[in-house]
Each structure stands twice: as C-alpha cells, then as structure tokens.
PDB file of all heavy atoms in Angstrom:
ATOM      1  N   TYR A   1     164.766 152.577 -85.653  1.00  0.00           N
ATOM      2  CA  TYR A   1     166.149 152.514 -85.140  1.00  0.00           C
ATOM      3  C   TYR A   1     166.511 153.829 -84.438  1.00  0.00           C
ATOM      4  O   TYR A   1     166.092 154.936 -84.880  1.00  0.00           O
ATOM      5  CB  TYR A   1     167.060 152.369 -86.257  1.00  0.00           C
ATOM      6  CG  TYR A   1     168.533 152.290 -85.890  1.00  0.00           C
ATOM      7  CD1 TYR A   1     169.163 151.052 -85.474  1.00  0.00           C
ATOM      8  CD2 TYR A   1     169.435 153.423 -85.964  1.00  0.00           C
ATOM      9  CE1 TYR A   1     170.500 150.885 -85.210  1.00  0.00           C
ATOM     10  CE2 TYR A   1     170.774 153.233 -85.641  1.00  0.00           C
ATOM     11  CZ  TYR A   1     171.292 152.054 -85.236  1.00  0.00           C
ATOM     12  OH  TYR A   1     172.601 151.983 -84.893  1.00  0.00           O
ATOM     13  N   SER A   2     167.052 153.739 -83.247  1.00  0.00           N
ATOM     14  CA  SER A   2     167.424 154.927 -82.432  1.00  0.00           C
ATOM     15  C   SER A   2     168.809 154.785 -81.880  1.00  0.00           C
ATOM     16  O   SER A   2     169.188 153.805 -81.257  1.00  0.00           O
ATOM     17  CB  SER A   2     166.440 155.099 -81.280  1.00  0.00           C
ATOM     18  OG  SER A   2     166.707 156.101 -80.555  1.00  0.00           O
ATOM     19  N   ASP A   3     169.628 155.799 -82.199  1.00  0.00           N
ATOM     20  CA  ASP A   3     171.082 155.820 -81.693  1.00  0.00           C
ATOM     21  C   ASP A   3     171.232 157.036 -80.906  1.00  0.00           C
ATOM     22  O   ASP A   3     171.354 158.160 -81.315  1.00  0.00           O
ATOM     23  CB  ASP A   3     171.955 155.980 -82.945  1.00  0.00           C
ATOM     24  CG  ASP A   3     173.411 155.770 -82.473  1.00  0.00           C
ATOM     25  OD1 ASP A   3     173.727 155.762 -81.273  1.00  0.00           O
ATOM     26  OD2 ASP A   3     174.373 155.694 -83.385  1.00  0.00           O
ATOM     27  N   LEU A   4     171.079 156.839 -79.462  1.00  0.00           N
ATOM     28  CA  LEU A   4     171.338 157.850 -78.499  1.00  0.00           C
ATOM     29  C   LEU A   4     172.503 157.659 -77.700  1.00  0.00           C
ATOM     30  O   LEU A   4     172.578 158.199 -76.649  1.00  0.00           O
ATOM     31  CB  LEU A   4     170.024 157.904 -77.621  1.00  0.00           C
ATOM     32  CG  LEU A   4     168.673 158.040 -78.241  1.00  0.00           C
ATOM     33  CD1 LEU A   4     167.588 157.959 -77.259  1.00  0.00           C
ATOM     34  CD2 LEU A   4     168.553 159.267 -79.191  1.00  0.00           C
ATOM     35  N   THR A   5     173.467 156.866 -78.213  1.00  0.00           N
ATOM     36  CA  THR A   5     174.701 156.616 -77.493  1.00  0.00           C
ATOM     37  C   THR A   5     175.340 157.883 -77.054  1.00  0.00           C
ATOM     38  O   THR A   5     175.691 158.675 -77.965  1.00  0.00           O
ATOM     39  CB  THR A   5     175.561 155.771 -78.301  1.00  0.00           C
ATOM     40  OG1 THR A   5     174.968 154.566 -78.748  1.00  0.00           O
ATOM     41  CG2 THR A   5     176.811 155.331 -77.482  1.00  0.00           C
ATOM     42  N   TYR A   6     175.587 158.023 -75.780  1.00  0.00           N
ATOM     43  CA  TYR A   6     176.136 159.282 -75.377  1.00  0.00           C
ATOM     44  C   TYR A   6     177.267 159.248 -74.352  1.00  0.00           C
ATOM     45  O   TYR A   6     177.729 160.291 -73.858  1.00  0.00           O
ATOM     46  CB  TYR A   6     174.974 160.077 -74.533  1.00  0.00           C
ATOM     47  CG  TYR A   6     174.430 159.193 -73.343  1.00  0.00           C
ATOM     48  CD1 TYR A   6     175.075 159.321 -72.052  1.00  0.00           C
ATOM     49  CD2 TYR A   6     173.423 158.382 -73.605  1.00  0.00           C
ATOM     50  CE1 TYR A   6     174.590 158.599 -71.015  1.00  0.00           C
ATOM     51  CE2 TYR A   6     172.992 157.536 -72.481  1.00  0.00           C
ATOM     52  CZ  TYR A   6     173.465 157.719 -71.194  1.00  0.00           C
ATOM     53  OH  TYR A   6     173.061 156.988 -70.169  1.00  0.00           O
ATOM     54  N   ASP A   7     177.824 158.078 -74.006  1.00  0.00           N
ATOM     55  CA  ASP A   7     179.090 158.027 -73.277  1.00  0.00           C
ATOM     56  C   ASP A   7     180.072 157.009 -73.769  1.00  0.00           C
ATOM     57  O   ASP A   7     179.882 156.421 -74.848  1.00  0.00           O
ATOM     58  CB  ASP A   7     178.576 157.806 -71.764  1.00  0.00           C
ATOM     59  CG  ASP A   7     177.892 156.411 -71.725  1.00  0.00           C
ATOM     60  OD1 ASP A   7     178.084 155.578 -72.501  1.00  0.00           O
ATOM     61  OD2 ASP A   7     177.204 156.249 -70.610  1.00  0.00           O
ATOM     62  N   TYR A   8     181.030 156.750 -72.927  1.00  0.00           N
ATOM     63  CA  TYR A   8     182.142 155.953 -73.320  1.00  0.00           C
ATOM     64  C   TYR A   8     181.979 154.513 -72.892  1.00  0.00           C
ATOM     65  O   TYR A   8     182.743 153.642 -73.079  1.00  0.00           O
ATOM     66  CB  TYR A   8     183.417 156.374 -72.808  1.00  0.00           C
ATOM     67  CG  TYR A   8     183.896 157.717 -73.318  1.00  0.00           C
ATOM     68  CD1 TYR A   8     183.479 158.931 -72.974  1.00  0.00           C
ATOM     69  CD2 TYR A   8     184.848 157.739 -74.414  1.00  0.00           C
ATOM     70  CE1 TYR A   8     183.920 160.174 -73.467  1.00  0.00           C
ATOM     71  CE2 TYR A   8     185.285 158.962 -74.898  1.00  0.00           C
ATOM     72  CZ  TYR A   8     184.772 160.126 -74.427  1.00  0.00           C
ATOM     73  OH  TYR A   8     185.198 161.333 -74.957  1.00  0.00           O
ATOM     74  N   SER A   9     180.766 154.132 -72.282  1.00  0.00           N
ATOM     75  CA  SER A   9     180.527 152.911 -71.645  1.00  0.00           C
ATOM     76  C   SER A   9     180.094 151.969 -72.776  1.00  0.00           C
ATOM     77  O   SER A   9     179.485 152.321 -73.738  1.00  0.00           O
ATOM     78  CB  SER A   9     179.391 153.058 -70.664  1.00  0.00           C
ATOM     79  OG  SER A   9     179.032 151.752 -70.266  1.00  0.00           O
ATOM     80  N   GLU A  10     180.509 150.707 -72.617  1.00  0.00           N
ATOM     81  CA  GLU A  10     180.182 149.705 -73.531  1.00  0.00           C
ATOM     82  C   GLU A  10     178.728 149.163 -73.230  1.00  0.00           C
ATOM     83  O   GLU A  10     178.199 148.339 -73.991  1.00  0.00           O
ATOM     84  CB  GLU A  10     181.173 148.545 -73.484  1.00  0.00           C
ATOM     85  CG  GLU A  10     182.530 148.833 -73.942  1.00  0.00           C
ATOM     86  CD  GLU A  10     183.466 147.654 -73.953  1.00  0.00           C
ATOM     87  OE1 GLU A  10     183.068 146.658 -73.408  1.00  0.00           O
ATOM     88  OE2 GLU A  10     184.739 147.841 -74.324  1.00  0.00           O
ATOM     89  N   ASP A  11     178.162 149.645 -72.074  1.00  0.00           N
ATOM     90  CA  ASP A  11     176.820 149.194 -71.718  1.00  0.00           C
ATOM     91  C   ASP A  11     175.657 149.796 -72.593  1.00  0.00           C
ATOM     92  O   ASP A  11     174.605 149.411 -72.566  1.00  0.00           O
ATOM     93  CB  ASP A  11     176.475 149.485 -70.230  1.00  0.00           C
ATOM     94  CG  ASP A  11     177.449 148.713 -69.339  1.00  0.00           C
ATOM     95  OD1 ASP A  11     177.915 147.652 -69.801  1.00  0.00           O
ATOM     96  OD2 ASP A  11     177.782 149.150 -68.238  1.00  0.00           O
ATOM     97  N   THR A  12     175.990 150.944 -73.265  1.00  0.00           N
ATOM     98  CA  THR A  12     174.959 151.607 -74.082  1.00  0.00           C
ATOM     99  C   THR A  12     175.182 151.161 -75.507  1.00  0.00           C
ATOM    100  O   THR A  12     176.241 151.108 -76.029  1.00  0.00           O
ATOM    101  CB  THR A  12     175.098 153.077 -73.946  1.00  0.00           C
ATOM    102  OG1 THR A  12     176.330 153.540 -74.356  1.00  0.00           O
ATOM    103  CG2 THR A  12     174.836 153.540 -72.491  1.00  0.00           C
ATOM    104  N   SER A  13     173.990 151.014 -76.218  1.00  0.00           N
ATOM    105  CA  SER A  13     174.021 150.700 -77.642  1.00  0.00           C
ATOM    106  C   SER A  13     172.748 151.232 -78.319  1.00  0.00           C
ATOM    107  O   SER A  13     171.843 151.428 -77.595  1.00  0.00           O
ATOM    108  CB  SER A  13     174.203 149.198 -77.783  1.00  0.00           C
ATOM    109  OG  SER A  13     173.009 148.625 -77.186  1.00  0.00           O
ATOM    110  N   PRO A  14     172.810 151.392 -79.602  1.00  0.00           N
ATOM    111  CA  PRO A  14     171.607 151.786 -80.339  1.00  0.00           C
ATOM    112  C   PRO A  14     170.516 150.675 -80.073  1.00  0.00           C
ATOM    113  O   PRO A  14     170.705 149.518 -79.932  1.00  0.00           O
ATOM    114  CB  PRO A  14     172.122 151.868 -81.762  1.00  0.00           C
ATOM    115  CG  PRO A  14     173.543 152.008 -81.752  1.00  0.00           C
ATOM    116  CD  PRO A  14     173.967 151.298 -80.539  1.00  0.00           C
ATOM    117  N   GLY A  15     169.230 151.113 -80.281  1.00  0.00           N
ATOM    118  CA  GLY A  15     168.175 150.216 -80.117  1.00  0.00           C
ATOM    119  C   GLY A  15     167.296 150.204 -81.328  1.00  0.00           C
ATOM    120  O   GLY A  15     167.243 151.037 -82.119  1.00  0.00           O
ATOM    121  N   SER A  16     166.601 149.087 -81.568  1.00  0.00           N
ATOM    122  CA  SER A  16     165.733 148.878 -82.712  1.00  0.00           C
ATOM    123  C   SER A  16     164.448 148.196 -82.328  1.00  0.00           C
ATOM    124  O   SER A  16     164.443 147.402 -81.320  1.00  0.00           O
ATOM    125  CB  SER A  16     166.435 148.224 -83.829  1.00  0.00           C
ATOM    126  OG  SER A  16     166.823 146.865 -83.505  1.00  0.00           O
ATOM    127  N   ALA A  17     163.418 148.384 -83.153  1.00  0.00           N
ATOM    128  CA  ALA A  17     162.182 147.646 -82.849  1.00  0.00           C
ATOM    129  C   ALA A  17     161.438 147.472 -84.126  1.00  0.00           C
ATOM    130  O   ALA A  17     161.706 148.223 -85.157  1.00  0.00           O
ATOM    131  CB  ALA A  17     161.312 148.533 -81.923  1.00  0.00           C
ATOM    132  N   PHE A  18     160.553 146.505 -84.147  1.00  0.00           N
ATOM    133  CA  PHE A  18     159.702 146.210 -85.329  1.00  0.00           C
ATOM    134  C   PHE A  18     158.261 146.499 -84.860  1.00  0.00           C
ATOM    135  O   PHE A  18     157.830 146.267 -83.687  1.00  0.00           O
ATOM    136  CB  PHE A  18     159.827 144.838 -85.771  1.00  0.00           C
ATOM    137  CG  PHE A  18     161.109 144.672 -86.598  1.00  0.00           C
ATOM    138  CD1 PHE A  18     162.186 144.125 -85.886  1.00  0.00           C
ATOM    139  CD2 PHE A  18     161.167 144.925 -87.926  1.00  0.00           C
ATOM    140  CE1 PHE A  18     163.463 143.944 -86.587  1.00  0.00           C
ATOM    141  CE2 PHE A  18     162.401 144.655 -88.655  1.00  0.00           C
ATOM    142  CZ  PHE A  18     163.503 144.244 -87.935  1.00  0.00           C
ATOM    143  N   ALA A  19     157.475 147.078 -85.771  1.00  0.00           N
ATOM    144  CA  ALA A  19     156.061 147.406 -85.438  1.00  0.00           C
ATOM    145  C   ALA A  19     155.226 147.295 -86.662  1.00  0.00           C
ATOM    146  O   ALA A  19     155.644 147.136 -87.799  1.00  0.00           O
ATOM    147  CB  ALA A  19     155.896 148.826 -84.885  1.00  0.00           C
ATOM    148  N   ALA A  20     153.885 147.228 -86.354  1.00  0.00           N
ATOM    149  CA  ALA A  20     152.897 147.096 -87.429  1.00  0.00           C
ATOM    150  C   ALA A  20     151.791 148.079 -87.185  1.00  0.00           C
ATOM    151  O   ALA A  20     151.503 148.673 -86.182  1.00  0.00           O
ATOM    152  CB  ALA A  20     152.209 145.574 -87.321  1.00  0.00           C
ATOM    153  N   ASP A  21     151.097 148.479 -88.382  1.00  0.00           N
ATOM    154  CA  ASP A  21     149.989 149.406 -88.430  1.00  0.00           C
ATOM    155  C   ASP A  21     148.831 148.727 -88.971  1.00  0.00           C
ATOM    156  O   ASP A  21     148.886 147.933 -89.818  1.00  0.00           O
ATOM    157  CB  ASP A  21     150.336 150.659 -89.286  1.00  0.00           C
ATOM    158  CG  ASP A  21     151.508 151.474 -88.752  1.00  0.00           C
ATOM    159  OD1 ASP A  21     151.976 151.167 -87.618  1.00  0.00           O
ATOM    160  OD2 ASP A  21     151.881 152.440 -89.485  1.00  0.00           O
ATOM    161  N   LEU A  22     147.687 149.026 -88.390  1.00  0.00           N
ATOM    162  CA  LEU A  22     146.343 148.675 -88.915  1.00  0.00           C
ATOM    163  C   LEU A  22     145.517 149.907 -89.125  1.00  0.00           C
ATOM    164  O   LEU A  22     145.467 150.778 -88.259  1.00  0.00           O
ATOM    165  CB  LEU A  22     145.667 147.657 -87.997  1.00  0.00           C
ATOM    166  CG  LEU A  22     146.412 146.290 -87.688  1.00  0.00           C
ATOM    167  CD1 LEU A  22     145.712 145.588 -86.594  1.00  0.00           C
ATOM    168  CD2 LEU A  22     146.557 145.515 -88.994  1.00  0.00           C
ATOM    169  N   ALA A  23     144.747 149.906 -90.281  1.00  0.00           N
ATOM    170  CA  ALA A  23     143.977 151.193 -90.486  1.00  0.00           C
ATOM    171  C   ALA A  23     142.745 150.778 -91.372  1.00  0.00           C
ATOM    172  O   ALA A  23     142.658 149.827 -92.002  1.00  0.00           O
ATOM    173  CB  ALA A  23     144.847 152.131 -91.359  1.00  0.00           C
ATOM    174  N   ALA A  24     141.701 151.681 -91.125  1.00  0.00           N
ATOM    175  CA  ALA A  24     140.411 151.548 -91.988  1.00  0.00           C
ATOM    176  C   ALA A  24     139.920 152.966 -92.288  1.00  0.00           C
ATOM    177  O   ALA A  24     140.180 153.958 -91.640  1.00  0.00           O
ATOM    178  CB  ALA A  24     139.459 150.855 -91.111  1.00  0.00           C
ATOM    179  N   TYR A  25     139.198 152.953 -93.369  1.00  0.00           N
ATOM    180  CA  TYR A  25     138.784 154.242 -93.888  1.00  0.00           C
ATOM    181  C   TYR A  25     137.481 154.163 -94.632  1.00  0.00           C
ATOM    182  O   TYR A  25     137.299 153.140 -95.416  1.00  0.00           O
ATOM    183  CB  TYR A  25     139.807 154.929 -94.894  1.00  0.00           C
ATOM    184  CG  TYR A  25     139.425 156.223 -95.493  1.00  0.00           C
ATOM    185  CD1 TYR A  25     139.281 157.374 -94.745  1.00  0.00           C
ATOM    186  CD2 TYR A  25     139.273 156.410 -96.874  1.00  0.00           C
ATOM    187  CE1 TYR A  25     138.905 158.613 -95.254  1.00  0.00           C
ATOM    188  CE2 TYR A  25     138.807 157.669 -97.500  1.00  0.00           C
ATOM    189  CZ  TYR A  25     138.733 158.693 -96.585  1.00  0.00           C
ATOM    190  OH  TYR A  25     138.314 159.920 -97.133  1.00  0.00           O
TER     191      TYR A  25
END
C-alpha cells in the first residue's frame, strides 16, 4: 500500500498491489 497523495485533486488516490515471493535454499 502506498499513499503519496499530494494535492487537492480528486484524480490522485493511494495505490495498492498484491505480489508473491518464491525462494529456495
């Protein structure tokens, strides 16, 4: 989740994303 809202415009909004990790050891 990222909230970089910086002005008075209704065109900007916080953004969110989903991601996955894969690992081996």
